[in-house]
Amino acid sequence: MRITCIGWIRATLIWAFAFTCVSGSVTINQVLLVGNSEIPSADIYTVIQTRPNQALNLKTMRNDVSSIRELYARSGLSYARIYDIRYPKTGTGPLEFYISEGIIDAITITGNTRTKDHVILREMHLKPGMTLNETQLKTDLRRIYNLNLFSELNPDIKPADQIGHYTVNLNLTESPPSSFNLGGGYSEQSGFFMFSDLKTENFMGNGQQVSMKGQFGNEITNYELRFREPWMWDPRRSFSYGVWHRTGRLDVFSTSTTRSFNSNQMSTGMDMGFGIPINYETMLHHTVKYEVVQRKNDPTNDYIIQSYALQLSHDTRDVWFAPRSGHYASIRTEKAFETRDKTLNFEKYDLSLKQFFPTFKKQAIGIRLDLGYLEGKDQDRSSSLFGYIVGSQSTVRGYQSYFSFGSRRLLTSLEYRWMLNYFVQLNVFVDAGAADTVVDEQGRIIGTQSIYDVEQWRYGKGFGINIRSPIGPLKFDFANNDQNIWIIQFNFGQSF
C-alpha cells in the first residue's frame, strides 16, 4: 500500500510554538474530546494521563497525543489525526483534543479499461464519507482481487484538501477477459476427439461469466452454454443458467462420476441456480435441474433426472484461486423427484472440507476431505448410472481410470504449495480414497468394501505445476500410483 502524506507540518509547528508560550500556573478542569465517533470517549480516556483538576503538563499532553494515535492505529484507524489542541494559557479551563478519524472523500479507479466501475465498487464496504479503516480496506481489496479479473491491485491513499480527509485510488491491471481453447486428443474410451471452448469471466465488462463449449469425436458430441450473473439482485444475489446437449459416452464429460460407461447415450438438459448470501463468507445456493438421458442400445433404461439441490458453504480463503490461509466448507444435498415414468428417485449428500495453512513466504499446506453418500429408492440404479468414482486426475491422481465406484465415497488429499509468482505454482501431493464397489482395470466388479477401512484405500503421490495462462489455469501432475507407475496428467484449474 503506497501512502503519500502532505500535511501536519503546519499543525506541528503551531503546537510547538504554543507549548513555549504557556506561562504561569494553568489548571485543567476537564478534558474534552471533539470529533471522535469510531472509538468511544470512555476508551480514549483510559489511555490519556491528563486528569481534571490537575496542573497542565505539556510533556504529559504530548504523550496523550501519541497514546490517542496509537489507540486508533490498533483499531485499524492509522489515518486518524489530532489536528488541533486547545487549552487555557492562564488560570483554569478545559483541555480539548480535536480529532479527525480519517474520512474518505472519494474512491477513484484507474487501469480498468474493460471492467465497469460499479463491478469493482460494489465489492467495497468502504464508501465516501466513511472512516478509512485499514482492516476493512484490506478486506475490500481481497474481495476485488477474488473477482479473478485483475492481475495487480495497488491502492494509493492521498490526503485531500481538508485536514483528516483522504482520497483512495485503486490502480488496477486487468487480466485477459476471455480464454479460447482449441485442440484435440485421443483416449482409449472415446477415440479421437476435438474440442473448442470459449470462456469469459467479464462479459461486456459487467463481471458476468459466459462459457460456450463444443466437443466432437468418434464417440462424443457436446454442445454446452453457461451463464452466471454474480449480482443479479443486490446484494450479491447470483443467478446461473446452463443448457447442454451431449451425445456419446457420457463418462467423457465427467471425471468424478460414472455417468455410465457401458453404452452410447444422449443427454439433453438444463440447470438453473440462485445464490443468496447470509454474509460475505456464507452462501446458500439453490439449484434446479432437468435432464433426459436416452440410452441408444438399451432404451428400456432411459431415465430422467428432475431434482432440487441445496448447498450451504462457508469460505474464508484469502485468495480463492491460490489460497494460503483460510478454509472452505460446504454441505450439499440433492433430491430427485419421481413424478412420472423413467424419473429417478434418489438423494445425494456431499460434504467438502478444505483447509489452508501458511508456512513460509508464498508457501502453504492444503488439506482436502470429501465425503459423498447416494441414497433413496433408486440408489443401486443411480450409483451405476452416475455414482461416485475414485481414481482419476480429479480424485486420486496417478490412475488413468477409476478403481472403485458406487454410492459411497471418501477422498482426502494433502498438498504443499509454492507460489513462485502470480503465474506459476509448484506442489507436492498425496491423494487417497475409496468408493464402496471395487473394479479391476477393465472396469469389472470384483468386490465391495467399506470406505472407512483405511487398509482398503489406494494412494497416489507426486508433484505438479499450475500455470495461469491466457487460456485459463492449467495443471500438470506427475503422479505415481501404488503399483509404482508414473504417469503425466493434465487438467484445468486447481486440484482443490
Protein backbone atom coordinates (compact mmCIF):
# COMPACT_ATOMS: atom_id res chain seq x y z
CA MET A 1 0.00 0.00 0.00
CA ARG A 2 1.56 3.34 -1.06
CA ILE A 3 0.65 6.37 1.05
CA THR A 4 1.52 9.96 0.14
CA CYS A 5 1.44 12.33 3.15
CA ILE A 6 1.17 16.11 2.81
CA GLY A 7 0.06 17.90 5.74
CA TRP A 8 0.57 18.08 9.59
CA ILE A 9 3.80 20.19 9.49
CA ARG A 10 1.89 23.41 9.98
CA ALA A 11 -0.13 21.98 12.87
CA THR A 12 3.04 20.58 14.47
CA LEU A 13 4.74 23.98 14.31
CA ILE A 14 1.70 25.66 15.83
CA TRP A 15 1.69 23.19 18.72
CA ALA A 16 5.44 23.58 19.30
CA PHE A 17 5.10 27.36 19.35
CA ALA A 18 2.09 27.18 21.65
CA PHE A 19 3.90 24.91 24.07
CA THR A 20 6.61 27.51 24.55
CA CYS A 21 4.09 30.28 25.17
CA VAL A 22 2.36 28.82 28.19
CA SER A 23 3.10 30.93 31.22
CA GLY A 24 2.00 30.87 34.79
CA SER A 25 0.08 28.17 36.55
CA VAL A 26 -2.63 26.59 34.40
CA THR A 27 -5.19 24.14 35.82
CA ILE A 28 -7.24 21.80 33.62
CA ASN A 29 -10.78 21.50 34.92
CA GLN A 30 -11.92 18.98 32.29
CA VAL A 31 -10.64 17.01 29.28
CA LEU A 32 -12.84 17.21 26.18
CA LEU A 33 -12.76 15.10 23.00
CA VAL A 34 -14.16 16.58 19.79
CA GLY A 35 -14.75 14.62 16.56
CA ASN A 36 -14.44 11.00 17.72
CA SER A 37 -17.17 8.56 16.74
CA GLU A 38 -15.40 5.31 15.83
CA ILE A 39 -13.78 4.98 19.25
CA PRO A 40 -15.88 5.87 22.33
CA SER A 41 -14.66 8.66 24.58
CA ALA A 42 -14.52 6.25 27.52
CA ASP A 43 -11.92 4.14 25.68
CA ILE A 44 -9.81 7.19 24.87
CA TYR A 45 -9.91 8.43 28.47
CA THR A 46 -8.34 5.16 29.59
CA VAL A 47 -5.12 5.83 27.61
CA ILE A 48 -4.54 9.53 28.40
CA GLN A 49 -2.79 10.72 31.55
CA THR A 50 -4.07 14.27 31.84
CA ARG A 51 -6.79 14.44 34.51
CA PRO A 52 -9.27 17.18 35.56
CA ASN A 53 -8.23 19.48 38.40
CA GLN A 54 -4.55 18.92 37.70
CA ALA A 55 -1.92 21.38 36.53
CA LEU A 56 -1.28 21.34 32.80
CA ASN A 57 1.86 19.40 31.94
CA LEU A 58 2.99 19.88 28.35
CA LYS A 59 5.04 16.67 28.28
CA THR A 60 2.06 14.67 29.53
CA MET A 61 -0.14 16.34 26.91
CA ARG A 62 2.26 15.36 24.13
CA ASN A 63 2.26 11.79 25.44
CA ASP A 64 -1.54 11.86 25.41
CA VAL A 65 -1.48 12.79 21.72
CA SER A 66 0.77 9.80 20.98
CA SER A 67 -1.40 7.47 23.08
CA ILE A 68 -4.57 8.50 21.28
CA ARG A 69 -2.98 7.95 17.87
CA GLU A 70 -1.66 4.52 18.95
CA LEU A 71 -5.14 3.57 20.15
CA TYR A 72 -6.59 4.48 16.77
CA ALA A 73 -3.82 2.60 14.93
CA ARG A 74 -4.52 -0.58 16.94
CA SER A 75 -8.13 -0.31 15.81
CA GLY A 76 -7.12 -0.13 12.14
CA LEU A 77 -7.59 3.65 12.02
CA SER A 78 -4.00 4.74 11.49
CA TYR A 79 -5.12 7.68 9.33
CA ALA A 80 -6.75 9.39 12.33
CA ARG A 81 -5.12 12.66 13.36
CA ILE A 82 -5.35 15.14 16.22
CA TYR A 83 -5.41 18.31 14.19
CA ASP A 84 -5.86 20.86 16.98
CA ILE A 85 -5.38 21.18 20.74
CA ARG A 86 -6.92 23.99 22.80
CA TYR A 87 -6.17 24.79 26.42
CA PRO A 88 -6.11 27.86 28.68
CA LYS A 89 -2.92 29.91 28.73
CA THR A 90 -3.58 31.13 32.27
CA GLY A 91 -5.99 30.30 35.04
CA THR A 92 -8.40 27.41 34.74
CA GLY A 93 -10.11 25.91 31.71
CA PRO A 94 -10.68 22.77 29.59
CA LEU A 95 -8.12 20.80 27.57
CA GLU A 96 -9.67 19.97 24.19
CA PHE A 97 -8.41 17.41 21.67
CA TYR A 98 -9.83 17.86 18.15
CA ILE A 99 -9.76 14.53 16.32
CA SER A 100 -10.20 13.72 12.64
CA GLU A 101 -10.63 9.99 12.30
CA GLY A 102 -9.68 9.88 8.60
CA ILE A 103 -12.65 10.44 6.32
CA ILE A 104 -12.81 9.14 2.75
CA ASP A 105 -13.65 12.00 0.39
CA ALA A 106 -13.62 9.91 -2.80
CA ILE A 107 -12.74 6.48 -4.21
CA THR A 108 -11.33 6.54 -7.73
CA ILE A 109 -10.23 3.77 -10.09
CA THR A 110 -7.57 3.70 -12.79
CA GLY A 111 -6.48 0.94 -15.16
CA ASN A 112 -9.90 -0.67 -15.72
CA THR A 113 -10.18 -0.29 -19.47
CA ARG A 114 -12.83 -3.03 -19.74
CA THR A 115 -14.31 -3.54 -16.29
CA LYS A 116 -17.01 -1.06 -15.35
CA ASP A 117 -16.51 0.92 -12.15
CA HIS A 118 -19.64 -0.40 -10.45
CA VAL A 119 -18.39 -4.00 -10.74
CA ILE A 120 -15.41 -3.01 -8.57
CA LEU A 121 -17.04 -0.52 -6.20
CA ARG A 122 -19.91 -2.86 -5.28
CA GLU A 123 -17.38 -5.21 -3.68
CA MET A 124 -16.26 -2.48 -1.28
CA HIS A 125 -17.83 -1.93 2.12
CA LEU A 126 -15.97 1.38 2.41
CA LYS A 127 -17.75 4.33 0.77
CA PRO A 128 -17.08 8.08 0.52
CA GLY A 129 -17.99 9.75 3.79
CA MET A 130 -16.94 6.73 5.87
CA THR A 131 -13.90 6.45 8.11
CA LEU A 132 -10.82 4.95 6.42
CA ASN A 133 -10.28 1.69 8.27
CA GLU A 134 -7.18 -0.20 7.13
CA THR A 135 -8.54 -3.58 8.21
CA GLN A 136 -11.72 -3.06 6.21
CA LEU A 137 -9.74 -1.72 3.25
CA LYS A 138 -7.63 -4.88 3.14
CA THR A 139 -10.81 -6.97 3.25
CA ASP A 140 -12.31 -4.92 0.39
CA LEU A 141 -9.15 -5.30 -1.70
CA ARG A 142 -9.21 -9.08 -1.16
CA ARG A 143 -12.81 -9.20 -2.35
CA ILE A 144 -11.93 -7.27 -5.51
CA TYR A 145 -8.91 -9.49 -6.15
CA ASN A 146 -11.09 -12.59 -5.75
CA LEU A 147 -13.16 -11.46 -8.71
CA ASN A 148 -10.27 -13.00 -10.67
CA LEU A 149 -10.39 -10.11 -13.13
CA PHE A 150 -7.14 -8.38 -12.15
CA SER A 151 -3.51 -9.45 -12.01
CA GLU A 152 -2.45 -6.42 -9.92
CA LEU A 153 -4.25 -4.20 -7.44
CA ASN A 154 -2.41 -1.32 -5.76
CA PRO A 155 -4.19 1.26 -3.57
CA ASP A 156 -2.85 4.82 -3.46
CA ILE A 157 -4.09 6.89 -0.49
CA LYS A 158 -3.57 10.65 -0.60
CA PRO A 159 -4.64 13.44 1.76
CA ALA A 160 -7.47 15.57 0.43
CA ASP A 161 -7.72 19.36 0.73
CA GLN A 162 -9.42 19.17 4.11
CA ILE A 163 -7.29 18.07 7.05
CA GLY A 164 -8.01 14.48 8.04
CA HIS A 165 -9.73 13.62 4.75
CA TYR A 166 -8.36 11.27 2.08
CA THR A 167 -8.80 10.12 -1.49
CA VAL A 168 -8.42 6.39 -2.17
CA ASN A 169 -7.34 5.47 -5.68
CA LEU A 170 -7.25 1.86 -6.88
CA ASN A 171 -4.62 1.21 -9.55
CA LEU A 172 -5.61 -1.95 -11.44
CA THR A 173 -4.04 -4.19 -14.05
CA GLU A 174 -6.69 -6.28 -15.78
CA SER A 175 -6.26 -9.93 -16.61
CA PRO A 176 -7.24 -11.17 -20.08
CA PRO A 177 -11.06 -11.11 -20.10
CA SER A 178 -11.54 -14.25 -22.16
CA SER A 179 -9.88 -17.54 -22.99
CA PHE A 180 -10.24 -19.62 -26.13
CA ASN A 181 -9.11 -23.24 -26.30
CA LEU A 182 -8.88 -25.29 -29.45
CA GLY A 183 -7.35 -28.72 -29.53
CA GLY A 184 -7.84 -32.43 -29.68
CA GLY A 185 -6.64 -35.76 -28.43
CA TYR A 186 -7.17 -39.46 -28.16
CA SER A 187 -8.38 -41.73 -25.37
CA GLU A 188 -8.93 -45.48 -25.27
CA GLN A 189 -12.52 -44.98 -24.12
CA SER A 190 -13.54 -42.35 -26.66
CA GLY A 191 -11.11 -42.48 -29.57
CA PHE A 192 -10.09 -39.29 -31.37
CA PHE A 193 -11.81 -36.04 -30.45
CA MET A 194 -11.54 -32.28 -30.86
CA PHE A 195 -12.71 -29.53 -28.54
CA SER A 196 -13.33 -25.82 -28.68
CA ASP A 197 -14.01 -23.76 -25.55
CA LEU A 198 -14.70 -20.05 -25.27
CA LYS A 199 -14.98 -18.58 -21.81
CA THR A 200 -15.12 -15.05 -20.44
CA GLU A 201 -15.09 -14.02 -16.78
CA ASN A 202 -16.03 -10.44 -17.58
CA PHE A 203 -18.69 -10.32 -20.27
CA MET A 204 -19.22 -6.75 -21.54
CA GLY A 205 -17.23 -5.51 -18.52
CA ASN A 206 -20.06 -6.45 -16.14
CA GLY A 207 -18.30 -9.29 -14.29
CA GLN A 208 -20.65 -11.85 -15.84
CA GLN A 209 -19.32 -15.30 -16.72
CA VAL A 210 -20.20 -16.86 -20.07
CA SER A 211 -18.84 -20.09 -21.49
CA MET A 212 -19.51 -21.99 -24.70
CA LYS A 213 -18.18 -25.47 -25.19
CA GLY A 214 -18.04 -27.85 -28.11
CA GLN A 215 -16.50 -31.32 -28.34
CA PHE A 216 -16.54 -33.58 -31.36
CA GLY A 217 -15.11 -37.06 -31.91
CA ASN A 218 -15.64 -40.65 -32.87
CA GLU A 219 -17.92 -41.31 -29.91
CA ILE A 220 -18.76 -37.89 -28.47
CA THR A 221 -20.54 -34.70 -29.40
CA ASN A 222 -21.11 -31.97 -26.86
CA TYR A 223 -22.72 -28.55 -27.04
CA GLU A 224 -22.90 -26.58 -23.82
CA LEU A 225 -23.71 -22.99 -22.88
CA ARG A 226 -23.42 -21.49 -19.40
CA PHE A 227 -24.08 -18.04 -17.95
CA ARG A 228 -23.63 -16.61 -14.46
CA GLU A 229 -24.54 -13.18 -13.12
CA PRO A 230 -22.95 -12.70 -9.66
CA TRP A 231 -25.13 -9.67 -8.84
CA MET A 232 -28.49 -10.37 -10.43
CA TRP A 233 -30.09 -8.78 -7.38
CA ASP A 234 -28.36 -6.71 -4.70
CA PRO A 235 -26.54 -7.53 -2.62
CA ARG A 236 -24.57 -10.39 -4.18
CA ARG A 237 -27.59 -12.49 -5.08
CA SER A 238 -26.47 -14.55 -8.05
CA PHE A 239 -28.17 -16.30 -10.94
CA SER A 240 -26.75 -19.04 -13.15
CA TYR A 241 -28.11 -20.99 -16.07
CA GLY A 242 -26.77 -23.86 -18.12
CA VAL A 243 -28.09 -25.83 -21.08
CA TRP A 244 -26.47 -28.77 -22.88
CA HIS A 245 -26.89 -31.50 -25.47
CA ARG A 246 -24.42 -34.36 -25.32
CA THR A 247 -24.18 -37.49 -27.43
CA GLY A 248 -21.81 -40.38 -26.88
CA ARG A 249 -20.05 -41.84 -23.88
CA LEU A 250 -21.11 -39.55 -21.06
CA ASP A 251 -18.10 -40.50 -18.93
CA VAL A 252 -16.08 -38.17 -21.17
CA PHE A 253 -17.99 -35.24 -19.71
CA SER A 254 -17.48 -36.11 -16.04
CA THR A 255 -14.29 -37.08 -14.22
CA SER A 256 -15.94 -37.52 -10.82
CA THR A 257 -18.99 -39.71 -11.55
CA THR A 258 -19.53 -42.84 -13.61
CA ARG A 259 -22.20 -41.40 -15.93
CA SER A 260 -22.49 -44.97 -17.26
CA PHE A 261 -19.54 -46.49 -19.10
CA ASN A 262 -21.46 -49.23 -20.86
CA SER A 263 -23.33 -47.74 -23.81
CA ASN A 264 -23.68 -44.71 -26.03
CA GLN A 265 -26.15 -42.19 -24.69
CA MET A 266 -27.74 -38.85 -25.45
CA SER A 267 -28.25 -36.28 -22.72
CA THR A 268 -30.27 -33.08 -23.04
CA GLY A 269 -30.76 -30.90 -20.01
CA MET A 270 -30.63 -27.62 -18.18
CA ASP A 271 -29.98 -26.35 -14.70
CA MET A 272 -30.70 -23.04 -13.02
CA GLY A 273 -29.19 -21.76 -9.81
CA PHE A 274 -29.75 -18.96 -7.30
CA GLY A 275 -27.20 -17.84 -4.72
CA ILE A 276 -28.31 -15.98 -1.59
CA PRO A 277 -25.65 -14.61 0.77
CA ILE A 278 -26.08 -14.91 4.51
CA ASN A 279 -22.92 -12.80 4.85
CA TYR A 280 -19.84 -12.41 2.68
CA GLU A 281 -18.32 -15.72 3.81
CA THR A 282 -21.53 -17.76 3.96
CA MET A 283 -23.65 -18.53 0.91
CA LEU A 284 -26.82 -20.52 0.31
CA HIS A 285 -27.23 -21.99 -3.19
CA HIS A 286 -30.45 -23.33 -4.71
CA THR A 287 -30.26 -25.34 -7.94
CA VAL A 288 -32.99 -26.97 -10.01
CA LYS A 289 -32.08 -29.46 -12.72
CA TYR A 290 -33.88 -31.28 -15.51
CA GLU A 291 -32.08 -33.84 -17.67
CA VAL A 292 -33.28 -36.51 -20.09
CA VAL A 293 -30.86 -39.35 -20.86
CA GLN A 294 -31.60 -41.77 -23.70
CA ARG A 295 -29.57 -44.95 -23.99
CA LYS A 296 -29.45 -45.87 -27.68
CA ASN A 297 -28.56 -49.53 -27.21
CA ASP A 298 -30.95 -50.06 -24.30
CA PRO A 299 -33.99 -47.72 -24.50
CA THR A 300 -35.72 -49.55 -21.66
CA ASN A 301 -33.14 -47.99 -19.36
CA ASP A 302 -33.70 -44.39 -20.44
CA TYR A 303 -34.03 -42.14 -17.42
CA ILE A 304 -34.94 -38.60 -16.38
CA ILE A 305 -33.47 -36.54 -13.53
CA GLN A 306 -35.57 -33.72 -12.13
CA SER A 307 -34.03 -32.54 -8.90
CA TYR A 308 -33.58 -29.73 -6.44
CA ALA A 309 -30.27 -29.14 -4.63
CA LEU A 310 -29.48 -27.00 -1.61
CA GLN A 311 -25.89 -26.12 -0.72
CA LEU A 312 -24.56 -24.17 2.26
CA SER A 313 -20.94 -23.01 2.01
CA HIS A 314 -18.58 -21.04 4.21
CA ASP A 315 -15.44 -19.59 2.62
CA THR A 316 -12.67 -17.69 4.43
CA ARG A 317 -9.85 -18.33 1.91
CA ASP A 318 -7.65 -15.30 1.36
CA VAL A 319 -7.29 -15.76 -2.41
CA TRP A 320 -9.78 -18.17 -3.91
CA PHE A 321 -7.74 -19.34 -6.90
CA ALA A 322 -4.45 -19.74 -4.95
CA PRO A 323 -5.21 -19.76 -1.20
CA ARG A 324 -2.56 -19.63 1.51
CA SER A 325 -4.86 -19.36 4.52
CA GLY A 326 -8.48 -19.89 5.48
CA HIS A 327 -10.93 -22.67 4.81
CA TYR A 328 -13.75 -23.70 2.53
CA ALA A 329 -16.55 -25.88 3.89
CA SER A 330 -19.75 -26.90 2.14
CA ILE A 331 -22.58 -29.33 2.63
CA ARG A 332 -24.85 -30.12 -0.30
CA THR A 333 -27.99 -32.21 -0.59
CA GLU A 334 -29.81 -33.06 -3.81
CA LYS A 335 -33.27 -34.62 -4.02
CA ALA A 336 -34.52 -36.18 -7.27
CA PHE A 337 -38.28 -36.48 -7.52
CA GLU A 338 -40.20 -39.38 -9.04
CA THR A 339 -43.21 -37.81 -10.72
CA ARG A 340 -43.70 -39.98 -13.82
CA ASP A 341 -42.26 -42.90 -15.73
CA LYS A 342 -38.46 -43.07 -16.01
CA THR A 343 -37.84 -40.35 -13.43
CA LEU A 344 -35.35 -41.45 -10.81
CA ASN A 345 -35.86 -41.17 -7.07
CA PHE A 346 -32.67 -40.60 -5.06
CA GLU A 347 -30.95 -38.33 -2.56
CA LYS A 348 -27.30 -37.26 -2.59
CA TYR A 349 -25.36 -35.83 0.34
CA ASP A 350 -21.93 -34.28 -0.14
CA LEU A 351 -19.58 -32.81 2.44
CA SER A 352 -16.45 -30.95 1.35
CA LEU A 353 -13.79 -29.51 3.68
CA LYS A 354 -10.64 -27.65 2.62
CA GLN A 355 -8.15 -26.01 4.99
CA PHE A 356 -5.06 -23.98 4.15
CA PHE A 357 -2.16 -23.17 6.48
CA PRO A 358 0.51 -20.58 5.60
CA THR A 359 4.09 -21.69 6.28
CA PHE A 360 6.90 -19.63 4.81
CA LYS A 361 6.57 -16.70 2.42
CA LYS A 362 4.44 -17.70 -0.57
CA GLN A 363 4.15 -21.27 0.72
CA ALA A 364 1.22 -23.13 2.21
CA ILE A 365 -0.17 -26.53 3.15
CA GLY A 366 -3.56 -27.55 1.77
CA ILE A 367 -5.77 -30.35 3.10
CA ARG A 368 -8.94 -31.74 1.50
CA LEU A 369 -11.63 -34.12 2.74
CA ASP A 370 -14.65 -35.08 0.60
CA LEU A 371 -17.42 -37.42 1.69
CA GLY A 372 -20.33 -38.47 -0.52
CA TYR A 373 -23.46 -40.57 0.02
CA LEU A 374 -26.13 -41.59 -2.52
CA GLU A 375 -29.38 -42.90 -1.04
CA GLY A 376 -33.02 -43.42 -1.99
CA LYS A 377 -35.37 -45.75 -3.79
CA ASP A 378 -33.21 -45.90 -6.94
CA GLN A 379 -29.88 -45.98 -5.10
CA ASP A 380 -28.49 -49.07 -6.84
CA ARG A 381 -29.50 -47.98 -10.31
CA SER A 382 -28.36 -44.41 -9.74
CA SER A 383 -24.93 -45.48 -8.45
CA SER A 384 -24.32 -47.49 -11.63
CA LEU A 385 -25.58 -44.70 -13.88
CA PHE A 386 -23.87 -41.70 -12.30
CA GLY A 387 -22.39 -42.83 -9.00
CA TYR A 388 -19.16 -41.63 -7.45
CA ILE A 389 -15.81 -42.79 -8.77
CA VAL A 390 -12.33 -42.87 -7.24
CA GLY A 391 -9.20 -42.97 -9.35
CA SER A 392 -8.66 -40.13 -11.84
CA GLN A 393 -6.92 -36.79 -12.18
CA SER A 394 -9.63 -35.07 -10.12
CA THR A 395 -9.91 -37.69 -7.35
CA VAL A 396 -6.82 -39.83 -6.69
CA ARG A 397 -4.05 -38.84 -9.09
CA GLY A 398 -1.74 -41.45 -10.61
CA TYR A 399 -4.50 -43.61 -12.11
CA GLN A 400 -5.70 -43.38 -15.70
CA SER A 401 -9.17 -44.67 -14.85
CA TYR A 402 -11.29 -45.35 -11.79
CA PHE A 403 -10.55 -48.30 -9.49
CA SER A 404 -13.75 -48.08 -7.42
CA PHE A 405 -17.19 -46.55 -7.74
CA GLY A 406 -20.62 -46.65 -6.15
CA SER A 407 -22.94 -44.87 -3.75
CA ARG A 408 -20.29 -44.08 -1.12
CA ARG A 409 -17.02 -42.22 -1.47
CA LEU A 410 -14.31 -40.82 0.77
CA LEU A 411 -11.42 -38.73 -0.58
CA THR A 412 -8.56 -36.95 1.12
CA SER A 413 -5.55 -35.01 -0.14
CA LEU A 414 -2.50 -33.27 1.29
CA GLU A 415 -0.53 -30.72 -0.75
CA TYR A 416 2.45 -28.50 -0.10
CA ARG A 417 2.38 -25.47 -2.40
CA TRP A 418 4.97 -22.93 -3.51
CA MET A 419 3.66 -19.77 -5.19
CA LEU A 420 6.66 -18.79 -7.29
CA ASN A 421 4.83 -15.76 -8.69
CA TYR A 422 1.39 -14.73 -9.88
CA PHE A 423 1.58 -17.14 -12.83
CA VAL A 424 3.33 -20.29 -11.54
CA GLN A 425 2.71 -22.55 -8.55
CA LEU A 426 4.53 -25.79 -7.68
CA ASN A 427 3.21 -28.52 -5.41
CA VAL A 428 3.88 -31.97 -4.00
CA PHE A 429 0.88 -34.08 -3.06
CA VAL A 430 -0.54 -37.28 -1.63
CA ASP A 431 -4.10 -38.40 -2.51
CA ALA A 432 -6.05 -41.28 -1.02
CA GLY A 433 -9.59 -42.58 -1.11
CA ALA A 434 -12.07 -45.32 -1.85
CA ALA A 435 -15.62 -45.99 -3.04
CA ASP A 436 -17.72 -48.94 -1.94
CA THR A 437 -17.54 -51.05 -5.13
CA VAL A 438 -14.15 -52.28 -6.35
CA VAL A 439 -13.39 -52.86 -10.05
CA ASP A 440 -10.45 -54.22 -11.98
CA GLU A 441 -8.54 -52.46 -14.77
CA GLN A 442 -11.27 -53.41 -17.28
CA GLY A 443 -14.00 -51.92 -15.08
CA ARG A 444 -15.42 -55.30 -13.98
CA ILE A 445 -16.79 -55.51 -10.43
CA ILE A 446 -14.61 -57.67 -8.18
CA GLY A 447 -15.97 -56.88 -4.71
CA THR A 448 -17.27 -54.41 -2.17
CA GLN A 449 -15.62 -52.62 0.76
CA SER A 450 -16.12 -50.04 3.48
CA ILE A 451 -14.91 -46.58 2.56
CA TYR A 452 -13.82 -46.13 6.19
CA ASP A 453 -11.39 -49.07 6.10
CA VAL A 454 -8.07 -47.26 5.67
CA GLU A 455 -6.33 -50.51 4.68
CA GLN A 456 -8.54 -50.64 1.56
CA TRP A 457 -7.66 -47.14 0.40
CA ARG A 458 -5.49 -46.65 -2.65
CA TYR A 459 -2.94 -43.87 -2.88
CA GLY A 460 -1.40 -41.54 -5.41
CA LYS A 461 1.56 -39.23 -4.90
CA GLY A 462 3.75 -36.93 -6.92
CA PHE A 463 4.43 -33.33 -7.84
CA GLY A 464 2.83 -30.83 -10.16
CA ILE A 465 2.82 -27.37 -11.62
CA ASN A 466 -0.06 -24.92 -12.02
CA ILE A 467 0.16 -22.17 -14.63
CA ARG A 468 -2.13 -19.16 -15.01
CA SER A 469 -2.12 -18.89 -18.81
CA PRO A 470 -4.02 -16.64 -21.25
CA ILE A 471 -6.34 -19.58 -21.93
CA GLY A 472 -7.05 -20.20 -18.25
CA PRO A 473 -5.41 -22.06 -15.33
CA LEU A 474 -3.53 -25.18 -16.44
CA LYS A 475 -2.45 -28.05 -14.20
CA PHE A 476 0.18 -30.70 -14.95
CA ASP A 477 0.68 -33.53 -12.45
CA PHE A 478 3.46 -36.12 -12.46
CA ALA A 479 1.86 -38.84 -10.35
CA ASN A 480 2.87 -42.25 -9.04
CA ASN A 481 0.32 -44.93 -8.08
CA ASP A 482 0.52 -47.88 -5.66
CA GLN A 483 1.96 -50.05 -8.45
CA ASN A 484 4.89 -47.62 -8.69
CA ILE A 485 3.89 -46.48 -12.18
CA TRP A 486 4.43 -42.82 -13.06
CA ILE A 487 2.03 -41.01 -15.38
CA ILE A 488 1.52 -37.43 -16.53
CA GLN A 489 -1.97 -35.98 -16.11
CA PHE A 490 -3.35 -32.69 -17.42
CA ASN A 491 -6.34 -30.72 -16.26
CA PHE A 492 -7.73 -27.19 -15.90
CA GLY A 493 -7.87 -25.35 -12.58
CA GLN A 494 -6.63 -26.25 -9.11
CA SER A 495 -6.78 -29.79 -7.77
CA PHE A 496 -8.83 -28.39 -4.85
